[in-house]
């Protein structure tokens, strides 16, 4: 046997070993949800509905609220175009994430472990863990603020109470993955309903909204302050852990593991995530629109903090429960994000390290790491400090984004890894363009935040 043949044989053996070692992602619920192979199209779509809604949670978490509030209060409806643009980017990337999981049977973390060197995988794992902690940080702050606004619980007490959600997630997981999805969707309906009522009362001009959403203003680029918030909106939109999460939870469906079955699954999973992300578009747009009507048009352009928005919404909109609805939606958003962060943390640890620890232990560990800085900063600097901490969490997420987007686009573009299910060249070009735009804007946001620009 020649040296080249020997090398090829060893490479094939190593690849086969990796194939053997890989366990299904979230194996306790893998292929646990039945999918009908015939019948009306709605039944098949319904079987795949769930993962997209769980992913959409990350696009309306407390980290998004600050940028949407500031954008609406300062610049009215102008930045609706940016919300629409960022949502379209998210739809593409999440569709690619679902495709990777279905086509390869691996989530993004497992794919990185299979195809990248050990040293690079270690770096990717550390970056992912930092992102999970940063995401948890935003959830703790958002939930604690909501508890304070609704029930007068001090921020420190609210932050400590968030540790209890670990047991809620465990209870739902033990009942079955559909129960977890139902919980998430129920909270999403609450968020949607709260903002639908506020939009109805605010009665914004429909023509202006549609024009702002589909026709960009040159001022977005020429006005430095507007550009800064626009970058913040895009930077807070695509959550890196969502790309790991989606590639795993689409595999909970018991679709046929054949090429035909996978193609069918990709179609329905893409439809599921697209519909769900349109809900996220409504919520983010609604936050900005309500801020535009209540604050920008009444001379309160300086409103950027969640607490300030809560105090002013009811009197400015003329609806006594407007502020309560706002806080209830924030609480639902924080609770919902708990589920996705928990699952993403499990997926990342199992995928990169093949390490399994009890879910309750992992949840309490990451939640504890998020609660500690909230308690310390609140004690030292008060409420203003938590606002800065929320911004810091988004910066950390922005720093981690390249470690998720680049591998994802690289994998789904490769015929070697995806076979006939690799994305077409035109889609690959578009995906790389979207990745480049997001990365450049995130790096600019990071630079501006660190050096006080804007």
Protein backbone atom coordinates (compact mmCIF):
# COMPACT_ATOMS: atom_id res chain seq x y z
CA UNK A 1 0.00 0.00 0.00
CA UNK A 2 1.36 3.43 -0.95
CA UNK A 3 1.81 6.20 1.59
CA UNK A 4 -1.03 8.21 -0.01
CA UNK A 5 -3.36 5.21 0.20
CA UNK A 6 -2.38 4.60 3.83
CA UNK A 7 -3.07 8.25 4.70
CA UNK A 8 -6.43 8.08 2.94
CA UNK A 9 -7.27 4.87 4.79
CA UNK A 10 -6.38 6.39 8.17
CA UNK A 11 -8.50 9.51 7.40
CA UNK A 12 -11.45 7.33 6.42
CA UNK A 13 -11.06 5.28 9.62
CA UNK A 14 -10.96 8.44 11.78
CA UNK A 15 -14.06 9.78 10.03
CA UNK A 16 -15.83 6.45 10.58
CA UNK A 17 -14.87 6.53 14.25
CA UNK A 18 -16.32 10.03 14.57
CA UNK A 19 -19.52 8.85 12.91
CA UNK A 20 -19.73 5.96 15.40
CA UNK A 21 -19.04 8.14 18.43
CA UNK A 22 -21.60 10.82 17.64
CA UNK A 23 -24.78 10.36 19.66
CA UNK A 24 -28.00 12.00 18.46
CA UNK A 25 -28.34 15.58 19.62
CA UNK A 26 -30.60 15.80 22.72
CA UNK A 27 -30.90 12.03 22.41
CA UNK A 28 -33.56 11.74 25.11
CA UNK A 29 -36.02 13.54 22.80
CA UNK A 30 -34.45 12.82 19.39
CA UNK A 31 -37.08 11.65 16.85
CA UNK A 32 -39.65 11.58 19.67
CA UNK A 33 -42.40 13.54 17.87
CA UNK A 34 -44.34 11.66 15.21
CA UNK A 35 -44.63 13.15 11.73
CA UNK A 36 -47.49 12.02 9.43
CA UNK A 37 -46.30 10.80 6.02
CA UNK A 38 -49.62 11.53 4.33
CA UNK A 39 -52.71 13.65 4.76
CA UNK A 40 -53.44 17.34 4.33
CA UNK A 41 -50.46 19.70 4.31
CA UNK A 42 -51.58 21.46 7.48
CA UNK A 43 -51.20 18.29 9.57
CA UNK A 44 -47.62 17.91 8.37
CA UNK A 45 -46.82 21.57 9.03
CA UNK A 46 -48.36 21.31 12.50
CA UNK A 47 -46.13 18.32 13.30
CA UNK A 48 -43.07 20.45 12.53
CA UNK A 49 -44.32 23.59 14.30
CA UNK A 50 -42.47 24.26 17.55
CA UNK A 51 -38.71 24.54 16.99
CA UNK A 52 -39.13 27.77 15.03
CA UNK A 53 -41.12 29.36 17.84
CA UNK A 54 -38.51 28.31 20.39
CA UNK A 55 -35.84 29.91 18.23
CA UNK A 56 -37.91 33.08 17.76
CA UNK A 57 -37.68 33.69 21.52
CA UNK A 58 -34.08 34.85 21.09
CA UNK A 59 -35.18 37.53 18.64
CA UNK A 60 -37.47 39.25 21.13
CA UNK A 61 -35.53 38.75 24.38
CA UNK A 62 -34.86 41.63 26.83
CA UNK A 63 -31.64 42.47 24.98
CA UNK A 64 -33.67 43.59 21.96
CA UNK A 65 -35.99 45.83 23.93
CA UNK A 66 -33.45 48.56 24.74
CA UNK A 67 -32.42 49.11 21.11
CA UNK A 68 -36.03 49.05 19.85
CA UNK A 69 -37.14 51.51 22.55
CA UNK A 70 -34.27 53.89 21.85
CA UNK A 71 -34.83 53.68 18.09
CA UNK A 72 -38.53 54.51 18.33
CA UNK A 73 -38.17 57.24 20.96
CA UNK A 74 -35.35 59.08 19.17
CA UNK A 75 -36.15 58.60 15.49
CA UNK A 76 -39.81 57.63 15.21
CA UNK A 77 -40.57 55.01 12.56
CA UNK A 78 -37.40 55.46 10.48
CA UNK A 79 -35.58 52.39 11.80
CA UNK A 80 -38.43 49.99 10.99
CA UNK A 81 -36.54 49.22 7.79
CA UNK A 82 -33.58 48.01 9.86
CA UNK A 83 -35.86 45.75 11.90
CA UNK A 84 -37.26 44.28 8.68
CA UNK A 85 -33.77 43.83 7.19
CA UNK A 86 -32.36 42.14 10.29
CA UNK A 87 -35.37 39.84 10.44
CA UNK A 88 -34.84 38.72 6.83
CA UNK A 89 -31.21 37.95 7.69
CA UNK A 90 -32.35 35.92 10.68
CA UNK A 91 -34.84 33.94 8.56
CA UNK A 92 -32.05 32.92 6.17
CA UNK A 93 -29.57 31.90 8.89
CA UNK A 94 -32.12 29.92 10.88
CA UNK A 95 -33.22 28.10 7.72
CA UNK A 96 -29.58 27.14 7.14
CA UNK A 97 -29.27 25.96 10.74
CA UNK A 98 -32.32 23.70 10.37
CA UNK A 99 -30.94 22.37 7.08
CA UNK A 100 -27.63 21.45 8.70
CA UNK A 101 -29.29 19.49 11.50
CA UNK A 102 -31.68 17.62 9.24
CA UNK A 103 -29.19 16.87 6.43
CA UNK A 104 -26.27 15.70 8.56
CA UNK A 105 -27.97 14.42 11.72
CA UNK A 106 -25.58 16.66 13.66
CA UNK A 107 -26.18 19.93 15.44
CA UNK A 108 -23.75 22.80 14.80
CA UNK A 109 -21.62 21.96 17.84
CA UNK A 110 -21.27 18.31 16.78
CA UNK A 111 -20.39 19.38 13.24
CA UNK A 112 -17.65 21.68 14.55
CA UNK A 113 -16.24 18.83 16.63
CA UNK A 114 -16.29 16.46 13.67
CA UNK A 115 -14.63 18.76 11.13
CA UNK A 116 -12.42 21.18 13.07
CA UNK A 117 -9.12 20.60 14.96
CA UNK A 118 -9.27 20.01 18.71
CA UNK A 119 -7.64 23.37 19.59
CA UNK A 120 -10.14 25.33 17.48
CA UNK A 121 -13.03 23.41 19.00
CA UNK A 122 -11.85 24.35 22.47
CA UNK A 123 -11.88 28.04 21.49
CA UNK A 124 -15.35 27.67 19.96
CA UNK A 125 -16.64 25.94 23.09
CA UNK A 126 -15.33 28.68 25.40
CA UNK A 127 -16.87 31.34 23.16
CA UNK A 128 -20.21 29.50 23.20
CA UNK A 129 -20.22 29.17 26.97
CA UNK A 130 -19.55 32.90 27.32
CA UNK A 131 -22.46 33.56 24.98
CA UNK A 132 -24.78 31.37 27.08
CA UNK A 133 -23.78 33.24 30.24
CA UNK A 134 -24.27 36.59 28.47
CA UNK A 135 -27.69 35.47 27.25
CA UNK A 136 -28.59 34.34 30.76
CA UNK A 137 -27.42 37.71 32.06
CA UNK A 138 -29.91 39.53 29.82
CA UNK A 139 -32.69 37.18 30.93
CA UNK A 140 -31.92 37.69 34.62
CA UNK A 141 -31.90 41.47 34.22
CA UNK A 142 -35.06 41.54 32.10
CA UNK A 143 -36.96 39.21 34.43
CA UNK A 144 -35.77 41.05 37.55
CA UNK A 145 -36.83 44.42 36.10
CA UNK A 146 -40.25 42.98 35.17
CA UNK A 147 -40.74 41.57 38.70
CA UNK A 148 -39.80 44.93 40.18
CA UNK A 149 -42.19 46.83 37.90
CA UNK A 150 -45.10 44.45 38.48
CA UNK A 151 -44.69 43.47 42.13
CA UNK A 152 -42.20 45.92 43.62
CA UNK A 153 -39.63 43.19 44.25
CA UNK A 154 -36.12 44.69 44.57
CA UNK A 155 -33.80 43.93 41.65
CA UNK A 156 -31.52 41.76 43.77
CA UNK A 157 -34.47 39.72 45.05
CA UNK A 158 -35.87 39.36 41.54
CA UNK A 159 -32.50 38.20 40.24
CA UNK A 160 -32.30 35.55 42.97
CA UNK A 161 -35.85 34.36 42.23
CA UNK A 162 -34.89 33.64 38.63
CA UNK A 163 -32.89 30.63 39.87
CA UNK A 164 -36.22 28.85 40.44
CA UNK A 165 -36.91 28.67 36.70
CA UNK A 166 -34.41 25.79 36.49
CA UNK A 167 -36.99 23.53 38.09
CA UNK A 168 -39.73 24.73 35.73
CA UNK A 169 -37.65 23.76 32.70
CA UNK A 170 -36.85 20.35 34.19
CA UNK A 171 -40.52 19.68 34.91
CA UNK A 172 -41.52 20.49 31.33
CA UNK A 173 -38.65 18.46 29.82
CA UNK A 174 -39.65 15.42 31.88
CA UNK A 175 -43.21 15.64 30.56
CA UNK A 176 -42.04 15.65 26.93
CA UNK A 177 -40.66 18.04 24.36
CA UNK A 178 -44.12 19.04 23.10
CA UNK A 179 -44.95 20.36 26.58
CA UNK A 180 -41.85 22.53 26.47
CA UNK A 181 -42.86 23.87 23.05
CA UNK A 182 -46.42 24.50 24.25
CA UNK A 183 -45.11 26.51 27.21
CA UNK A 184 -42.96 28.65 24.92
CA UNK A 185 -45.77 29.24 22.44
CA UNK A 186 -48.19 30.17 25.24
CA UNK A 187 -45.80 32.85 26.49
CA UNK A 188 -45.27 34.08 22.93
CA UNK A 189 -49.04 34.47 22.57
CA UNK A 190 -49.06 36.57 25.76
CA UNK A 191 -46.27 38.80 24.40
CA UNK A 192 -48.06 39.13 21.05
CA UNK A 193 -51.36 39.94 22.75
CA UNK A 194 -49.87 42.59 25.02
CA UNK A 195 -48.34 44.47 22.10
CA UNK A 196 -51.35 43.98 19.83
CA UNK A 197 -53.49 45.83 22.40
CA UNK A 198 -50.93 48.63 22.69
CA UNK A 199 -50.65 49.00 18.91
CA UNK A 200 -54.45 49.16 18.64
CA UNK A 201 -54.61 51.92 21.26
CA UNK A 202 -51.63 53.82 19.83
CA UNK A 203 -53.28 53.78 16.35
CA UNK A 204 -50.10 54.60 14.41
CA UNK A 205 -50.41 55.73 10.75
CA UNK A 206 -50.38 52.53 8.68
CA UNK A 207 -49.08 54.26 5.53
CA UNK A 208 -46.09 55.75 7.33
CA UNK A 209 -45.27 52.41 8.95
CA UNK A 210 -45.35 50.52 5.64
CA UNK A 211 -43.23 53.18 3.93
CA UNK A 212 -40.66 53.18 6.74
CA UNK A 213 -40.52 49.38 6.77
CA UNK A 214 -39.93 48.87 3.04
CA UNK A 215 -38.24 52.13 1.92
CA UNK A 216 -34.92 52.92 3.64
CA UNK A 217 -34.05 56.49 4.55
CA UNK A 218 -30.62 57.85 3.62
CA UNK A 219 -30.53 59.42 7.08
CA UNK A 220 -29.88 55.97 8.56
CA UNK A 221 -26.37 56.15 7.09
CA UNK A 222 -25.73 59.90 7.23
CA UNK A 223 -26.88 60.45 10.84
CA UNK A 224 -24.21 58.95 13.17
CA UNK A 225 -26.59 58.61 16.13
CA UNK A 226 -29.20 56.83 14.01
CA UNK A 227 -26.56 54.58 12.45
CA UNK A 228 -25.34 53.62 15.92
CA UNK A 229 -28.80 52.46 17.02
CA UNK A 230 -29.40 50.75 13.66
CA UNK A 231 -26.22 48.74 14.18
CA UNK A 232 -27.39 47.94 17.70
CA UNK A 233 -30.71 46.61 16.37
CA UNK A 234 -28.97 44.31 13.89
CA UNK A 235 -26.34 43.36 16.45
CA UNK A 236 -28.99 42.34 18.98
CA UNK A 237 -31.08 40.43 16.45
CA UNK A 238 -29.13 37.31 15.42
CA UNK A 239 -28.39 35.35 18.57
CA UNK A 240 -25.43 32.95 18.15
CA UNK A 241 -26.78 30.30 20.50
CA UNK A 242 -29.96 30.10 18.39
CA UNK A 243 -27.96 28.66 15.49
CA UNK A 244 -26.71 25.83 17.71
CA UNK A 245 -30.16 25.36 19.22
CA UNK A 246 -32.14 25.17 15.97
CA UNK A 247 -29.81 22.64 14.35
CA UNK A 248 -30.54 20.31 17.28
CA UNK A 249 -34.23 20.67 18.09
CA UNK A 250 -35.38 20.14 14.48
CA UNK A 251 -34.16 16.58 14.98
CA UNK A 252 -36.86 15.95 17.59
CA UNK A 253 -39.19 15.16 14.65
CA UNK A 254 -39.41 11.53 13.53
CA UNK A 255 -39.08 12.25 9.81
CA UNK A 256 -37.71 9.55 7.52
CA UNK A 257 -33.90 9.63 7.60
CA UNK A 258 -33.71 9.24 3.81
CA UNK A 259 -32.87 11.91 1.23
CA UNK A 260 -36.54 12.30 0.31
CA UNK A 261 -37.56 12.42 3.97
CA UNK A 262 -34.86 14.97 4.78
CA UNK A 263 -35.83 17.22 1.85
CA UNK A 264 -39.42 17.15 3.05
CA UNK A 265 -38.35 17.89 6.63
CA UNK A 266 -36.18 20.83 5.52
CA UNK A 267 -39.17 22.31 3.68
CA UNK A 268 -41.50 22.11 6.68
CA UNK A 269 -38.87 23.17 9.23
CA UNK A 270 -38.00 26.23 7.11
CA UNK A 271 -41.67 27.15 6.87
CA UNK A 272 -42.03 26.76 10.65
CA UNK A 273 -39.10 29.05 11.47
CA UNK A 274 -40.09 31.63 8.85
CA UNK A 275 -43.63 31.95 10.23
CA UNK A 276 -42.32 32.12 13.81
CA UNK A 277 -39.75 34.80 12.96
CA UNK A 278 -42.49 36.92 11.39
CA UNK A 279 -44.04 36.92 14.86
CA UNK A 280 -40.71 38.15 16.23
CA UNK A 281 -40.75 40.86 13.54
CA UNK A 282 -44.16 42.01 14.77
CA UNK A 283 -43.01 42.18 18.40
CA UNK A 284 -39.79 44.09 17.65
CA UNK A 285 -41.61 46.45 15.29
CA UNK A 286 -44.38 46.91 17.87
CA UNK A 287 -41.89 47.94 20.58
CA UNK A 288 -40.41 50.55 18.24
CA UNK A 289 -43.83 51.75 17.02
CA UNK A 290 -45.25 52.11 20.54
CA UNK A 291 -42.10 54.03 21.55
CA UNK A 292 -42.47 56.26 18.48
CA UNK A 293 -46.11 57.10 19.24
CA UNK A 294 -45.77 57.43 23.02
CA UNK A 295 -42.36 59.10 23.27
CA UNK A 296 -41.08 60.49 19.97
CA UNK A 297 -44.34 62.24 19.05
CA UNK A 298 -44.83 63.67 22.55
CA UNK A 299 -41.36 65.17 23.01
CA UNK A 300 -39.89 62.40 25.17
CA UNK A 301 -37.14 61.43 22.76
CA UNK A 302 -34.66 60.75 25.57
CA UNK A 303 -36.51 57.63 26.82
CA UNK A 304 -34.21 54.61 26.45
CA UNK A 305 -34.47 52.75 29.78
CA UNK A 306 -37.12 50.07 30.27
CA UNK A 307 -38.09 51.54 33.66
CA UNK A 308 -38.69 54.99 32.14
CA UNK A 309 -40.83 53.50 29.38
CA UNK A 310 -42.93 51.67 31.98
CA UNK A 311 -43.63 54.86 33.94
CA UNK A 312 -44.60 56.94 30.91
CA UNK A 313 -46.56 54.50 28.72
CA UNK A 314 -49.93 54.61 30.50
CA UNK A 315 -50.24 58.41 30.79
CA UNK A 316 -48.90 59.08 27.29
CA UNK A 317 -50.99 56.42 25.52
CA UNK A 318 -54.07 57.18 27.60
CA UNK A 319 -54.52 53.50 28.54
CA UNK A 320 -54.32 52.69 32.24
CA UNK A 321 -53.08 49.13 31.71
CA UNK A 322 -50.52 49.97 29.00
CA UNK A 323 -47.61 49.94 31.43
CA UNK A 324 -48.81 46.67 33.00
CA UNK A 325 -49.08 45.04 29.57
CA UNK A 326 -45.55 46.23 28.79
CA UNK A 327 -44.16 44.69 31.99
CA UNK A 328 -46.12 41.43 31.57
CA UNK A 329 -44.67 41.06 28.06
CA UNK A 330 -41.18 41.69 29.44
CA UNK A 331 -41.67 39.04 32.13
CA UNK A 332 -42.94 36.53 29.56
CA UNK A 333 -39.95 37.35 27.37
CA UNK A 334 -37.49 36.73 30.20
CA UNK A 335 -39.12 33.45 31.24
CA UNK A 336 -39.24 32.23 27.66
CA UNK A 337 -35.57 32.94 27.06
CA UNK A 338 -34.79 30.68 30.01
CA UNK A 339 -35.94 27.62 28.07
CA UNK A 340 -33.85 28.29 24.99
CA UNK A 341 -30.72 29.17 26.96
CA UNK A 342 -31.01 25.96 28.98
CA UNK A 343 -31.32 23.79 25.89
CA UNK A 344 -28.59 25.64 24.02
CA UNK A 345 -26.24 25.16 26.96
CA UNK A 346 -26.90 21.43 27.01
CA UNK A 347 -26.46 21.13 23.23
CA UNK A 348 -23.16 23.03 23.27
CA UNK A 349 -21.67 21.04 26.14
CA UNK A 350 -22.70 17.67 24.71
CA UNK A 351 -21.74 18.61 21.16
CA UNK A 352 -18.27 20.00 21.82
CA UNK A 353 -17.24 17.88 24.82
CA UNK A 354 -19.57 14.87 24.72
CA UNK A 355 -19.99 15.68 28.39
CA UNK A 356 -23.32 15.15 30.09
CA UNK A 357 -24.11 16.53 33.50
CA UNK A 358 -27.55 16.59 35.12
CA UNK A 359 -29.72 19.29 33.55
CA UNK A 360 -30.55 20.82 36.93
CA UNK A 361 -26.85 21.13 37.79
CA UNK A 362 -25.99 22.73 34.45
CA UNK A 363 -28.95 25.12 34.71
CA UNK A 364 -28.14 26.23 38.24
CA UNK A 365 -24.47 26.67 37.32
CA UNK A 366 -25.07 28.98 34.35
CA UNK A 367 -27.89 30.82 36.11
CA UNK A 368 -25.65 31.30 39.16
CA UNK A 369 -22.89 32.75 36.99
CA UNK A 370 -25.45 35.20 35.56
CA UNK A 371 -27.04 36.14 38.90
CA UNK A 372 -23.76 37.00 40.66
CA UNK A 373 -22.80 40.00 38.47
CA UNK A 374 -26.40 41.30 38.55
CA UNK A 375 -26.46 41.21 42.35
CA UNK A 376 -22.99 42.81 42.68
CA UNK A 377 -23.63 45.57 40.11
CA UNK A 378 -27.08 46.35 41.53
CA UNK A 379 -25.65 46.61 45.04
CA UNK A 380 -22.82 48.89 43.92
CA UNK A 381 -24.41 51.04 41.20
CA UNK A 382 -28.18 50.60 41.46
CA UNK A 383 -30.62 50.39 38.55
CA UNK A 384 -28.44 52.38 36.13
CA UNK A 385 -25.73 49.77 36.58
CA UNK A 386 -28.03 46.95 35.45
CA UNK A 387 -28.79 48.92 32.29
CA UNK A 388 -25.07 49.06 31.49
CA UNK A 389 -24.76 45.36 32.32
CA UNK A 390 -27.54 44.60 29.84
CA UNK A 391 -25.61 46.45 27.14
CA UNK A 392 -22.45 44.56 28.10
CA UNK A 393 -24.26 41.23 27.67
CA UNK A 394 -25.21 42.19 24.12
CA UNK A 395 -21.58 43.13 23.36
CA UNK A 396 -20.44 39.69 24.53
CA UNK A 397 -23.04 38.05 22.30
CA UNK A 398 -21.86 40.18 19.37
CA UNK A 399 -18.28 39.02 19.96
CA UNK A 400 -19.38 35.38 19.82
CA UNK A 401 -21.43 35.69 16.64
CA UNK A 402 -18.60 35.00 14.15
CA UNK A 403 -17.92 31.67 15.91
CA UNK A 404 -21.42 30.49 14.99
CA UNK A 405 -22.20 32.16 11.66
CA UNK A 406 -18.97 31.32 9.79
CA UNK A 407 -18.96 27.57 10.58
CA UNK A 408 -22.67 27.33 9.76
CA UNK A 409 -22.38 28.92 6.31
CA UNK A 410 -19.19 26.96 5.62
CA UNK A 411 -20.82 23.62 6.45
CA UNK A 412 -24.10 24.09 4.56
CA UNK A 413 -22.20 25.29 1.47
CA UNK A 414 -20.08 22.11 1.35
CA UNK A 415 -21.22 19.24 -0.88
CA UNK A 416 -18.67 17.03 0.90
CA UNK A 417 -20.51 17.47 4.21
CA UNK A 418 -24.08 18.00 3.02
CA UNK A 419 -24.16 15.89 -0.13
CA UNK A 420 -27.04 16.72 -2.45
CA UNK A 421 -28.64 18.81 0.33
CA UNK A 422 -25.93 21.49 0.20
CA UNK A 423 -27.32 24.93 -0.56
CA UNK A 424 -27.15 26.20 -4.17
CA UNK A 425 -24.30 28.53 -5.13
CA UNK A 426 -26.58 31.58 -5.30
CA UNK A 427 -27.89 30.95 -1.79
CA UNK A 428 -24.33 30.38 -0.57
CA UNK A 429 -23.24 33.76 -1.98
CA UNK A 430 -26.22 35.45 -0.31
CA UNK A 431 -25.44 33.68 2.99
CA UNK A 432 -21.81 34.84 2.92
CA UNK A 433 -22.93 38.41 2.12
CA UNK A 434 -25.38 38.33 5.05
CA UNK A 435 -22.69 36.87 7.31
CA UNK A 436 -20.24 39.59 6.26
CA UNK A 437 -22.78 42.38 6.87
CA UNK A 438 -23.69 41.06 10.31
CA UNK A 439 -20.07 40.57 11.30
CA UNK A 440 -18.93 44.02 10.13
CA UNK A 441 -21.83 45.73 11.90
CA UNK A 442 -21.28 43.73 15.06
CA UNK A 443 -17.60 44.59 15.14
CA UNK A 444 -18.48 48.26 14.66
CA UNK A 445 -21.03 48.05 17.48
CA UNK A 446 -18.39 46.45 19.68
CA UNK A 447 -15.84 49.15 18.83
CA UNK A 448 -18.31 51.98 19.37
CA UNK A 449 -19.45 50.52 22.70
CA UNK A 450 -15.93 49.98 24.03
CA UNK A 451 -14.65 53.39 22.96
CA UNK A 452 -17.77 55.41 23.70
CA UNK A 453 -18.69 56.32 20.14
CA UNK A 454 -22.30 57.28 19.42
